[in-house]
Amino acid sequence: MLTGLTVFGAGSLGCGLAPDVPVLVAARVVQGLGAALLLPGTLAIIGRAFPDSAERARAVGVWAGIGSLALLAGPLLGGALTDGLGRRAIFLVNVPIVLLALVWSAAVVRESREDRAPPHVPRTQPKAGASWMNSKGLSAPRRSRSWSPSGTGRWSDTPAGGCVA
């Protein structure tokens, strides 16, 4: 989680200081990578900090509620910051928040590294049947020419297939 916070903070700083659009886009990629590293870590911390399933359920509910509020508040606050201080402010506001989160996390969250999964998290391997069903689900559009705009019926001709291919 600390790595995700650090990368997100560096990306935010890069966005705030970006002199042009290509640098801004590159910094946004870094910011997104940091966020991608951060999110699973927060759930892992909740799972470790709340071993009781009822407490863990409440903690995940609070986590999801705060995330939902952020989805609403983010654009509103971002718009106000942009109108009042300019576009750089929406990125630079993250830097002190990230620094505070790093200090707080380093002080409060204990590191956990285990070679084996806790008893409530079973270790599983993908099942062959699930993999087979997934591959058939992805290839199903090939059987219907109506799925592709060109009428060839090729999966890669569909909008989603182009992303997968």
N, C-alpha and C. Protein backbone atom coordinates (compact mmCIF):
# COMPACT_ATOMS: atom_id res chain seq x y z
N MET A 1 0.81 -1.18 0.00
CA MET A 1 0.00 0.00 0.00
C MET A 1 0.86 1.25 0.00
N LEU A 2 1.96 1.22 0.74
CA LEU A 2 2.84 2.38 0.77
C LEU A 2 3.43 2.67 -0.61
N THR A 3 3.72 1.62 -1.35
CA THR A 3 4.22 1.80 -2.72
C THR A 3 3.17 2.48 -3.58
N GLY A 4 1.93 2.01 -3.48
CA GLY A 4 0.84 2.61 -4.25
C GLY A 4 0.65 4.08 -3.89
N LEU A 5 0.69 4.40 -2.61
CA LEU A 5 0.56 5.80 -2.19
C LEU A 5 1.70 6.64 -2.76
N THR A 6 2.90 6.11 -2.69
CA THR A 6 4.07 6.86 -3.18
C THR A 6 3.98 7.11 -4.68
N VAL A 7 3.62 6.07 -5.43
CA VAL A 7 3.51 6.22 -6.89
C VAL A 7 2.37 7.17 -7.24
N PHE A 8 1.23 7.05 -6.54
CA PHE A 8 0.11 7.96 -6.78
C PHE A 8 0.50 9.40 -6.47
N GLY A 9 1.19 9.61 -5.37
CA GLY A 9 1.63 10.96 -5.00
C GLY A 9 2.61 11.53 -6.01
N ALA A 10 3.54 10.70 -6.48
CA ALA A 10 4.50 11.16 -7.49
C ALA A 10 3.77 11.51 -8.78
N GLY A 11 2.80 10.69 -9.16
CA GLY A 11 2.01 10.98 -10.36
C GLY A 11 1.22 12.26 -10.21
N SER A 12 0.63 12.48 -9.03
CA SER A 12 -0.12 13.71 -8.78
C SER A 12 0.78 14.93 -8.87
N LEU A 13 1.97 14.83 -8.29
CA LEU A 13 2.92 15.94 -8.36
C LEU A 13 3.33 16.20 -9.80
N GLY A 14 3.58 15.12 -10.53
CA GLY A 14 3.92 15.26 -11.95
C GLY A 14 2.81 15.91 -12.75
N CYS A 15 1.57 15.55 -12.45
CA CYS A 15 0.42 16.17 -13.14
C CYS A 15 0.34 17.66 -12.82
N GLY A 16 0.53 17.99 -11.56
CA GLY A 16 0.44 19.39 -11.15
C GLY A 16 1.53 20.26 -11.73
N LEU A 17 2.68 19.67 -11.98
CA LEU A 17 3.81 20.43 -12.51
C LEU A 17 4.00 20.27 -14.01
N ALA A 18 3.14 19.50 -14.65
CA ALA A 18 3.29 19.21 -16.08
C ALA A 18 3.24 20.49 -16.92
N PRO A 19 4.27 20.71 -17.76
CA PRO A 19 4.30 21.92 -18.58
C PRO A 19 3.46 21.82 -19.85
N ASP A 20 3.15 20.58 -20.27
CA ASP A 20 2.37 20.41 -21.50
C ASP A 20 1.55 19.12 -21.42
N VAL A 21 0.74 18.91 -22.44
CA VAL A 21 -0.20 17.79 -22.42
C VAL A 21 0.51 16.43 -22.44
N PRO A 22 1.55 16.19 -23.24
CA PRO A 22 2.19 14.86 -23.20
C PRO A 22 2.74 14.50 -21.82
N VAL A 23 3.32 15.47 -21.14
CA VAL A 23 3.83 15.21 -19.79
C VAL A 23 2.67 14.95 -18.84
N LEU A 24 1.58 15.69 -19.00
CA LEU A 24 0.40 15.49 -18.17
C LEU A 24 -0.16 14.08 -18.36
N VAL A 25 -0.24 13.63 -19.60
CA VAL A 25 -0.76 12.29 -19.88
C VAL A 25 0.15 11.23 -19.27
N ALA A 26 1.46 11.40 -19.40
CA ALA A 26 2.39 10.44 -18.81
C ALA A 26 2.26 10.42 -17.29
N ALA A 27 2.12 11.58 -16.70
CA ALA A 27 1.96 11.64 -15.24
C ALA A 27 0.63 11.03 -14.80
N ARG A 28 -0.40 11.17 -15.61
CA ARG A 28 -1.69 10.55 -15.28
C ARG A 28 -1.58 9.02 -15.33
N VAL A 29 -0.76 8.51 -16.24
CA VAL A 29 -0.53 7.07 -16.29
C VAL A 29 0.14 6.62 -14.99
N VAL A 30 1.13 7.35 -14.54
CA VAL A 30 1.80 7.03 -13.28
C VAL A 30 0.80 7.10 -12.13
N GLN A 31 -0.02 8.13 -12.13
CA GLN A 31 -1.04 8.29 -11.09
C GLN A 31 -2.00 7.09 -11.09
N GLY A 32 -2.41 6.66 -12.26
CA GLY A 32 -3.31 5.51 -12.37
C GLY A 32 -2.66 4.22 -11.90
N LEU A 33 -1.39 4.04 -12.20
CA LEU A 33 -0.67 2.86 -11.72
C LEU A 33 -0.61 2.86 -10.19
N GLY A 34 -0.37 4.03 -9.61
CA GLY A 34 -0.35 4.13 -8.15
C GLY A 34 -1.70 3.78 -7.55
N ALA A 35 -2.76 4.28 -8.16
CA ALA A 35 -4.11 3.97 -7.68
C ALA A 35 -4.39 2.48 -7.80
N ALA A 36 -3.94 1.87 -8.89
CA ALA A 36 -4.14 0.43 -9.09
C ALA A 36 -3.39 -0.39 -8.04
N LEU A 37 -2.24 0.09 -7.61
CA LEU A 37 -1.49 -0.59 -6.56
C LEU A 37 -2.12 -0.36 -5.20
N LEU A 38 -2.75 0.76 -5.03
CA LEU A 38 -3.29 1.16 -3.73
C LEU A 38 -4.57 0.41 -3.38
N LEU A 39 -5.47 0.28 -4.31
CA LEU A 39 -6.80 -0.26 -4.03
C LEU A 39 -6.78 -1.66 -3.42
N PRO A 40 -6.10 -2.64 -4.01
CA PRO A 40 -6.13 -3.98 -3.40
C PRO A 40 -5.45 -4.00 -2.03
N GLY A 41 -4.47 -3.13 -1.84
CA GLY A 41 -3.79 -3.07 -0.54
C GLY A 41 -4.72 -2.63 0.57
N THR A 42 -5.64 -1.71 0.27
CA THR A 42 -6.55 -1.25 1.31
C THR A 42 -7.48 -2.39 1.74
N LEU A 43 -7.95 -3.18 0.80
CA LEU A 43 -8.80 -4.31 1.17
C LEU A 43 -8.03 -5.38 1.93
N ALA A 44 -6.77 -5.57 1.57
CA ALA A 44 -5.95 -6.53 2.30
C ALA A 44 -5.74 -6.08 3.74
N ILE A 45 -5.55 -4.79 3.93
CA ILE A 45 -5.39 -4.26 5.29
C ILE A 45 -6.66 -4.46 6.09
N ILE A 46 -7.80 -4.21 5.48
CA ILE A 46 -9.07 -4.42 6.17
C ILE A 46 -9.22 -5.89 6.56
N GLY A 47 -8.89 -6.78 5.64
CA GLY A 47 -8.98 -8.20 5.94
C GLY A 47 -8.09 -8.63 7.08
N ARG A 48 -6.92 -8.04 7.16
CA ARG A 48 -5.97 -8.37 8.22
C ARG A 48 -6.35 -7.71 9.54
N ALA A 49 -6.83 -6.48 9.49
CA ALA A 49 -7.13 -5.72 10.71
C ALA A 49 -8.42 -6.19 11.38
N PHE A 50 -9.32 -6.79 10.61
CA PHE A 50 -10.61 -7.23 11.15
C PHE A 50 -10.79 -8.72 10.89
N PRO A 51 -10.22 -9.57 11.74
CA PRO A 51 -10.32 -11.01 11.51
C PRO A 51 -11.73 -11.56 11.70
N ASP A 52 -12.54 -10.90 12.54
CA ASP A 52 -13.92 -11.34 12.74
C ASP A 52 -14.73 -10.97 11.50
N SER A 53 -15.50 -11.92 10.98
CA SER A 53 -16.21 -11.69 9.72
C SER A 53 -17.25 -10.57 9.83
N ALA A 54 -17.92 -10.44 10.97
CA ALA A 54 -18.91 -9.37 11.12
C ALA A 54 -18.24 -7.99 11.13
N GLU A 55 -17.13 -7.89 11.87
CA GLU A 55 -16.40 -6.62 11.90
C GLU A 55 -15.83 -6.29 10.53
N ARG A 56 -15.32 -7.32 9.86
CA ARG A 56 -14.75 -7.11 8.52
C ARG A 56 -15.82 -6.64 7.55
N ALA A 57 -17.02 -7.21 7.66
CA ALA A 57 -18.13 -6.79 6.79
C ALA A 57 -18.47 -5.32 7.02
N ARG A 58 -18.50 -4.91 8.29
CA ARG A 58 -18.76 -3.49 8.57
C ARG A 58 -17.64 -2.61 8.03
N ALA A 59 -16.41 -3.04 8.20
CA ALA A 59 -15.27 -2.25 7.72
C ALA A 59 -15.30 -2.12 6.19
N VAL A 60 -15.61 -3.19 5.50
CA VAL A 60 -15.72 -3.12 4.04
C VAL A 60 -16.88 -2.21 3.65
N GLY A 61 -17.96 -2.24 4.41
CA GLY A 61 -19.09 -1.34 4.15
C GLY A 61 -18.69 0.12 4.30
N VAL A 62 -17.93 0.42 5.35
CA VAL A 62 -17.44 1.79 5.53
C VAL A 62 -16.51 2.17 4.39
N TRP A 63 -15.61 1.26 4.02
CA TRP A 63 -14.67 1.48 2.91
C TRP A 63 -15.43 1.78 1.62
N ALA A 64 -16.46 0.98 1.34
CA ALA A 64 -17.25 1.17 0.12
C ALA A 64 -18.05 2.47 0.19
N GLY A 65 -18.58 2.79 1.37
CA GLY A 65 -19.33 4.04 1.53
C GLY A 65 -18.47 5.27 1.30
N ILE A 66 -17.26 5.25 1.85
CA ILE A 66 -16.34 6.37 1.64
C ILE A 66 -15.96 6.48 0.17
N GLY A 67 -15.72 5.34 -0.46
CA GLY A 67 -15.41 5.36 -1.90
C GLY A 67 -16.56 5.91 -2.72
N SER A 68 -17.78 5.56 -2.34
CA SER A 68 -18.96 6.08 -3.05
C SER A 68 -19.11 7.58 -2.86
N LEU A 69 -18.87 8.04 -1.65
CA LEU A 69 -18.92 9.49 -1.41
C LEU A 69 -17.85 10.22 -2.21
N ALA A 70 -16.68 9.60 -2.32
CA ALA A 70 -15.60 10.22 -3.08
C ALA A 70 -15.97 10.33 -4.56
N LEU A 71 -16.71 9.35 -5.07
CA LEU A 71 -17.15 9.42 -6.47
C LEU A 71 -18.06 10.62 -6.70
N LEU A 72 -18.85 10.97 -5.71
CA LEU A 72 -19.73 12.13 -5.82
C LEU A 72 -18.99 13.43 -5.53
N ALA A 73 -18.20 13.43 -4.48
CA ALA A 73 -17.55 14.67 -4.03
C ALA A 73 -16.37 15.06 -4.93
N GLY A 74 -15.68 14.08 -5.50
CA GLY A 74 -14.49 14.37 -6.30
C GLY A 74 -14.73 15.35 -7.43
N PRO A 75 -15.69 15.10 -8.30
CA PRO A 75 -15.94 16.05 -9.39
C PRO A 75 -16.39 17.43 -8.90
N LEU A 76 -17.17 17.45 -7.84
CA LEU A 76 -17.63 18.75 -7.31
C LEU A 76 -16.46 19.55 -6.74
N LEU A 77 -15.66 18.90 -5.92
CA LEU A 77 -14.50 19.59 -5.35
C LEU A 77 -13.47 19.91 -6.43
N GLY A 78 -13.29 18.99 -7.37
CA GLY A 78 -12.36 19.25 -8.47
C GLY A 78 -12.78 20.43 -9.31
N GLY A 79 -14.07 20.54 -9.57
CA GLY A 79 -14.58 21.70 -10.32
C GLY A 79 -14.36 23.00 -9.57
N ALA A 80 -14.62 22.98 -8.26
CA ALA A 80 -14.40 24.18 -7.45
C ALA A 80 -12.92 24.57 -7.42
N LEU A 81 -12.05 23.58 -7.26
CA LEU A 81 -10.61 23.86 -7.26
C LEU A 81 -10.15 24.40 -8.62
N THR A 82 -10.64 23.80 -9.69
CA THR A 82 -10.26 24.24 -11.03
C THR A 82 -10.73 25.66 -11.29
N ASP A 83 -11.98 25.96 -10.92
CA ASP A 83 -12.50 27.32 -11.11
C ASP A 83 -11.75 28.33 -10.27
N GLY A 84 -11.44 27.96 -9.03
CA GLY A 84 -10.80 28.91 -8.13
C GLY A 84 -9.30 29.04 -8.29
N LEU A 85 -8.62 27.92 -8.50
CA LEU A 85 -7.15 27.94 -8.48
C LEU A 85 -6.49 27.45 -9.76
N GLY A 86 -7.26 26.88 -10.68
CA GLY A 86 -6.69 26.37 -11.92
C GLY A 86 -6.57 24.86 -11.91
N ARG A 87 -6.28 24.30 -13.07
CA ARG A 87 -6.25 22.84 -13.22
C ARG A 87 -5.16 22.16 -12.41
N ARG A 88 -4.08 22.85 -12.16
CA ARG A 88 -2.99 22.25 -11.39
C ARG A 88 -3.41 21.91 -9.97
N ALA A 89 -4.33 22.68 -9.43
CA ALA A 89 -4.75 22.50 -8.03
C ALA A 89 -5.40 21.14 -7.80
N ILE A 90 -6.11 20.62 -8.80
CA ILE A 90 -6.79 19.34 -8.58
C ILE A 90 -5.79 18.20 -8.43
N PHE A 91 -4.59 18.38 -8.92
CA PHE A 91 -3.56 17.36 -8.76
C PHE A 91 -2.69 17.65 -7.54
N LEU A 92 -2.33 18.90 -7.34
CA LEU A 92 -1.43 19.25 -6.24
C LEU A 92 -2.09 19.08 -4.88
N VAL A 93 -3.41 19.13 -4.81
CA VAL A 93 -4.10 18.92 -3.53
C VAL A 93 -3.84 17.51 -3.01
N ASN A 94 -3.57 16.57 -3.90
CA ASN A 94 -3.30 15.19 -3.49
C ASN A 94 -1.98 15.03 -2.76
N VAL A 95 -1.00 15.88 -3.07
CA VAL A 95 0.35 15.69 -2.54
C VAL A 95 0.37 15.75 -1.01
N PRO A 96 -0.16 16.80 -0.36
CA PRO A 96 -0.13 16.78 1.11
C PRO A 96 -1.00 15.68 1.71
N ILE A 97 -2.08 15.32 1.04
CA ILE A 97 -2.94 14.23 1.52
C ILE A 97 -2.17 12.92 1.48
N VAL A 98 -1.44 12.70 0.40
CA VAL A 98 -0.64 11.48 0.27
C VAL A 98 0.46 11.46 1.32
N LEU A 99 1.12 12.58 1.54
CA LEU A 99 2.18 12.64 2.56
C LEU A 99 1.62 12.30 3.94
N LEU A 100 0.47 12.87 4.28
CA LEU A 100 -0.17 12.55 5.56
C LEU A 100 -0.55 11.07 5.63
N ALA A 101 -1.08 10.54 4.55
CA ALA A 101 -1.46 9.12 4.52
C ALA A 101 -0.24 8.21 4.66
N LEU A 102 0.88 8.61 4.06
CA LEU A 102 2.10 7.81 4.18
C LEU A 102 2.59 7.78 5.63
N VAL A 103 2.61 8.95 6.27
CA VAL A 103 3.06 9.03 7.65
C VAL A 103 2.12 8.23 8.56
N TRP A 104 0.81 8.42 8.38
CA TRP A 104 -0.17 7.72 9.20
C TRP A 104 -0.09 6.22 8.99
N SER A 105 0.00 5.80 7.73
CA SER A 105 0.05 4.37 7.42
C SER A 105 1.31 3.72 7.99
N ALA A 106 2.43 4.40 7.86
CA ALA A 106 3.68 3.86 8.38
C ALA A 106 3.62 3.71 9.90
N ALA A 107 2.88 4.60 10.56
CA ALA A 107 2.80 4.55 12.01
C ALA A 107 1.75 3.57 12.51
N VAL A 108 0.65 3.41 11.79
CA VAL A 108 -0.49 2.66 12.30
C VAL A 108 -0.61 1.26 11.70
N VAL A 109 -0.40 1.13 10.40
CA VAL A 109 -0.63 -0.15 9.72
C VAL A 109 0.62 -1.00 9.87
N ARG A 110 0.41 -2.21 10.42
CA ARG A 110 1.57 -3.09 10.58
C ARG A 110 1.73 -3.95 9.32
N GLU A 111 2.95 -4.19 8.98
CA GLU A 111 3.24 -4.98 7.79
C GLU A 111 2.93 -6.44 8.07
N SER A 112 2.39 -7.09 7.07
CA SER A 112 2.11 -8.52 7.22
C SER A 112 2.61 -9.24 5.98
N ARG A 113 3.47 -10.17 6.23
CA ARG A 113 3.97 -11.03 5.16
C ARG A 113 3.90 -12.45 5.66
N GLU A 114 3.16 -13.25 4.95
CA GLU A 114 3.03 -14.65 5.34
C GLU A 114 3.25 -15.52 4.13
N ASP A 115 3.86 -16.66 4.36
CA ASP A 115 4.07 -17.61 3.29
C ASP A 115 2.81 -18.42 2.99
N ARG A 116 1.92 -18.46 3.97
CA ARG A 116 0.69 -19.22 3.76
C ARG A 116 -0.51 -18.32 4.02
N ALA A 117 -1.57 -18.62 3.30
CA ALA A 117 -2.79 -17.82 3.42
C ALA A 117 -3.45 -18.08 4.77
N PRO A 118 -4.12 -17.06 5.33
CA PRO A 118 -4.88 -17.29 6.55
C PRO A 118 -5.98 -18.32 6.31
N PRO A 119 -6.49 -18.95 7.38
CA PRO A 119 -7.45 -20.03 7.20
C PRO A 119 -8.73 -19.62 6.48
N HIS A 120 -9.15 -18.37 6.59
CA HIS A 120 -10.41 -17.95 5.96
C HIS A 120 -10.24 -17.58 4.49
N VAL A 121 -9.01 -17.62 3.96
CA VAL A 121 -8.77 -17.32 2.55
C VAL A 121 -8.17 -18.56 1.91
N PRO A 122 -8.99 -19.38 1.26
CA PRO A 122 -8.45 -20.61 0.68
C PRO A 122 -7.56 -20.33 -0.53
N ARG A 123 -6.52 -21.10 -0.64
CA ARG A 123 -5.67 -21.01 -1.83
C ARG A 123 -6.28 -21.91 -2.89
N THR A 124 -6.57 -21.33 -4.03
CA THR A 124 -7.16 -22.12 -5.11
C THR A 124 -6.44 -21.82 -6.40
N GLN A 125 -6.47 -22.76 -7.29
CA GLN A 125 -5.95 -22.58 -8.63
C GLN A 125 -7.15 -22.48 -9.56
N PRO A 126 -7.01 -21.75 -10.66
CA PRO A 126 -8.14 -21.70 -11.60
C PRO A 126 -8.50 -23.11 -12.06
N LYS A 127 -9.74 -23.39 -12.06
CA LYS A 127 -10.21 -24.71 -12.47
C LYS A 127 -10.25 -24.80 -13.99
N ALA A 128 -9.91 -25.96 -14.48
CA ALA A 128 -9.89 -26.17 -15.93
C ALA A 128 -11.26 -25.90 -16.54
N GLY A 129 -12.31 -26.33 -15.87
CA GLY A 129 -13.67 -26.12 -16.39
C GLY A 129 -14.01 -24.65 -16.51
N ALA A 130 -13.64 -23.85 -15.49
CA ALA A 130 -13.92 -22.41 -15.53
C ALA A 130 -13.13 -21.76 -16.66
N SER A 131 -11.88 -22.18 -16.84
CA SER A 131 -11.08 -21.63 -17.92
C SER A 131 -11.68 -21.98 -19.28
N TRP A 132 -12.15 -23.23 -19.41
CA TRP A 132 -12.76 -23.65 -20.66
C TRP A 132 -14.02 -22.84 -20.93
N MET A 133 -14.88 -22.66 -19.91
CA MET A 133 -16.11 -21.90 -20.10
C MET A 133 -15.80 -20.45 -20.46
N ASN A 134 -14.79 -19.90 -19.84
CA ASN A 134 -14.41 -18.52 -20.14
C ASN A 134 -13.95 -18.40 -21.59
N SER A 135 -13.15 -19.34 -22.04
CA SER A 135 -12.68 -19.28 -23.43
C SER A 135 -13.83 -19.45 -24.40
N LYS A 136 -14.82 -20.28 -24.07
CA LYS A 136 -15.97 -20.45 -24.95
C LYS A 136 -16.85 -19.20 -24.94
N GLY A 137 -16.94 -18.56 -23.80
CA GLY A 137 -17.72 -17.33 -23.72
C GLY A 137 -17.10 -16.22 -24.55
N LEU A 138 -15.78 -16.16 -24.56
CA LEU A 138 -15.10 -15.13 -25.34
C LEU A 138 -15.16 -15.41 -26.84
N SER A 139 -15.26 -16.69 -27.19
CA SER A 139 -15.27 -17.02 -28.61
C SER A 139 -16.68 -17.15 -29.17
N ALA A 140 -17.70 -17.05 -28.33
CA ALA A 140 -19.08 -17.22 -28.79
C ALA A 140 -19.47 -16.29 -29.93
N PRO A 141 -19.05 -15.01 -29.94
CA PRO A 141 -19.48 -14.14 -31.02
C PRO A 141 -19.04 -14.61 -32.41
N ARG A 142 -18.03 -15.47 -32.50
CA ARG A 142 -17.60 -15.96 -33.80
C ARG A 142 -18.70 -16.73 -34.51
N ARG A 143 -19.60 -17.29 -33.76
CA ARG A 143 -20.64 -18.11 -34.36
C ARG A 143 -21.77 -17.28 -34.94
N SER A 144 -21.77 -16.00 -34.69
CA SER A 144 -22.85 -15.14 -35.18
C SER A 144 -22.26 -13.96 -35.93
N ARG A 145 -22.50 -13.88 -37.21
CA ARG A 145 -21.95 -12.79 -38.01
C ARG A 145 -22.55 -11.44 -37.61
N SER A 146 -23.68 -11.47 -36.94
CA SER A 146 -24.31 -10.20 -36.56
C SER A 146 -23.54 -9.47 -35.47
N TRP A 147 -22.60 -10.16 -34.80
CA TRP A 147 -21.84 -9.51 -33.74
C TRP A 147 -20.79 -8.56 -34.28
N SER A 148 -20.32 -8.78 -35.47
CA SER A 148 -19.25 -7.92 -35.98
C SER A 148 -19.81 -6.90 -36.96
N PRO A 149 -19.34 -5.64 -36.86
CA PRO A 149 -19.84 -4.61 -37.75
C PRO A 149 -19.58 -4.90 -39.23
N SER A 150 -18.48 -5.60 -39.52
CA SER A 150 -18.13 -5.85 -40.92
C SER A 150 -18.89 -7.06 -41.48
N GLY A 151 -19.54 -7.83 -40.61
CA GLY A 151 -20.27 -9.00 -41.07
C GLY A 151 -19.39 -10.21 -41.30
N THR A 152 -18.10 -10.13 -40.97
CA THR A 152 -17.21 -11.27 -41.18
C THR A 152 -17.36 -12.30 -40.08
N GLY A 153 -17.90 -11.88 -38.94
CA GLY A 153 -18.07 -12.81 -37.84
C GLY A 153 -16.81 -13.03 -37.03
N ARG A 154 -15.74 -12.31 -37.34
CA ARG A 154 -14.51 -12.47 -36.57
C ARG A 154 -14.62 -11.70 -35.26
N TRP A 155 -14.17 -12.33 -34.19
CA TRP A 155 -14.23 -11.73 -32.85
C TRP A 155 -13.45 -10.41 -32.82
N SER A 156 -12.32 -10.36 -33.51
CA SER A 156 -11.51 -9.14 -33.48
C SER A 156 -12.16 -7.99 -34.22
N ASP A 157 -13.24 -8.26 -34.98
CA ASP A 157 -13.95 -7.18 -35.66
C ASP A 157 -14.95 -6.47 -34.75
N THR A 158 -15.22 -7.05 -33.59
CA THR A 158 -16.15 -6.41 -32.67
C THR A 158 -15.41 -5.38 -31.85
N PRO A 159 -16.10 -4.37 -31.31
CA PRO A 159 -15.41 -3.38 -30.49
C PRO A 159 -14.68 -4.00 -29.29
N ALA A 160 -15.33 -4.94 -28.61
CA ALA A 160 -14.68 -5.57 -27.47
C ALA A 160 -13.55 -6.48 -27.93
N GLY A 161 -13.74 -7.15 -29.04
CA GLY A 161 -12.70 -8.05 -29.55
C GLY A 161 -11.44 -7.31 -29.93
N GLY A 162 -11.58 -6.09 -30.43
CA GLY A 162 -10.40 -5.30 -30.75
C GLY A 162 -9.58 -5.00 -29.51
N CYS A 163 -10.25 -4.83 -28.39
CA CYS A 163 -9.53 -4.59 -27.13
C CYS A 163 -8.82 -5.84 -26.65
N VAL A 164 -9.48 -6.99 -26.84
CA VAL A 164 -8.91 -8.25 -26.37
C VAL A 164 -7.77 -8.69 -27.30
N ALA A 165 -7.98 -8.52 -28.61
CA ALA A 165 -6.99 -8.95 -29.58
C ALA A 165 -5.77 -8.09 -29.44
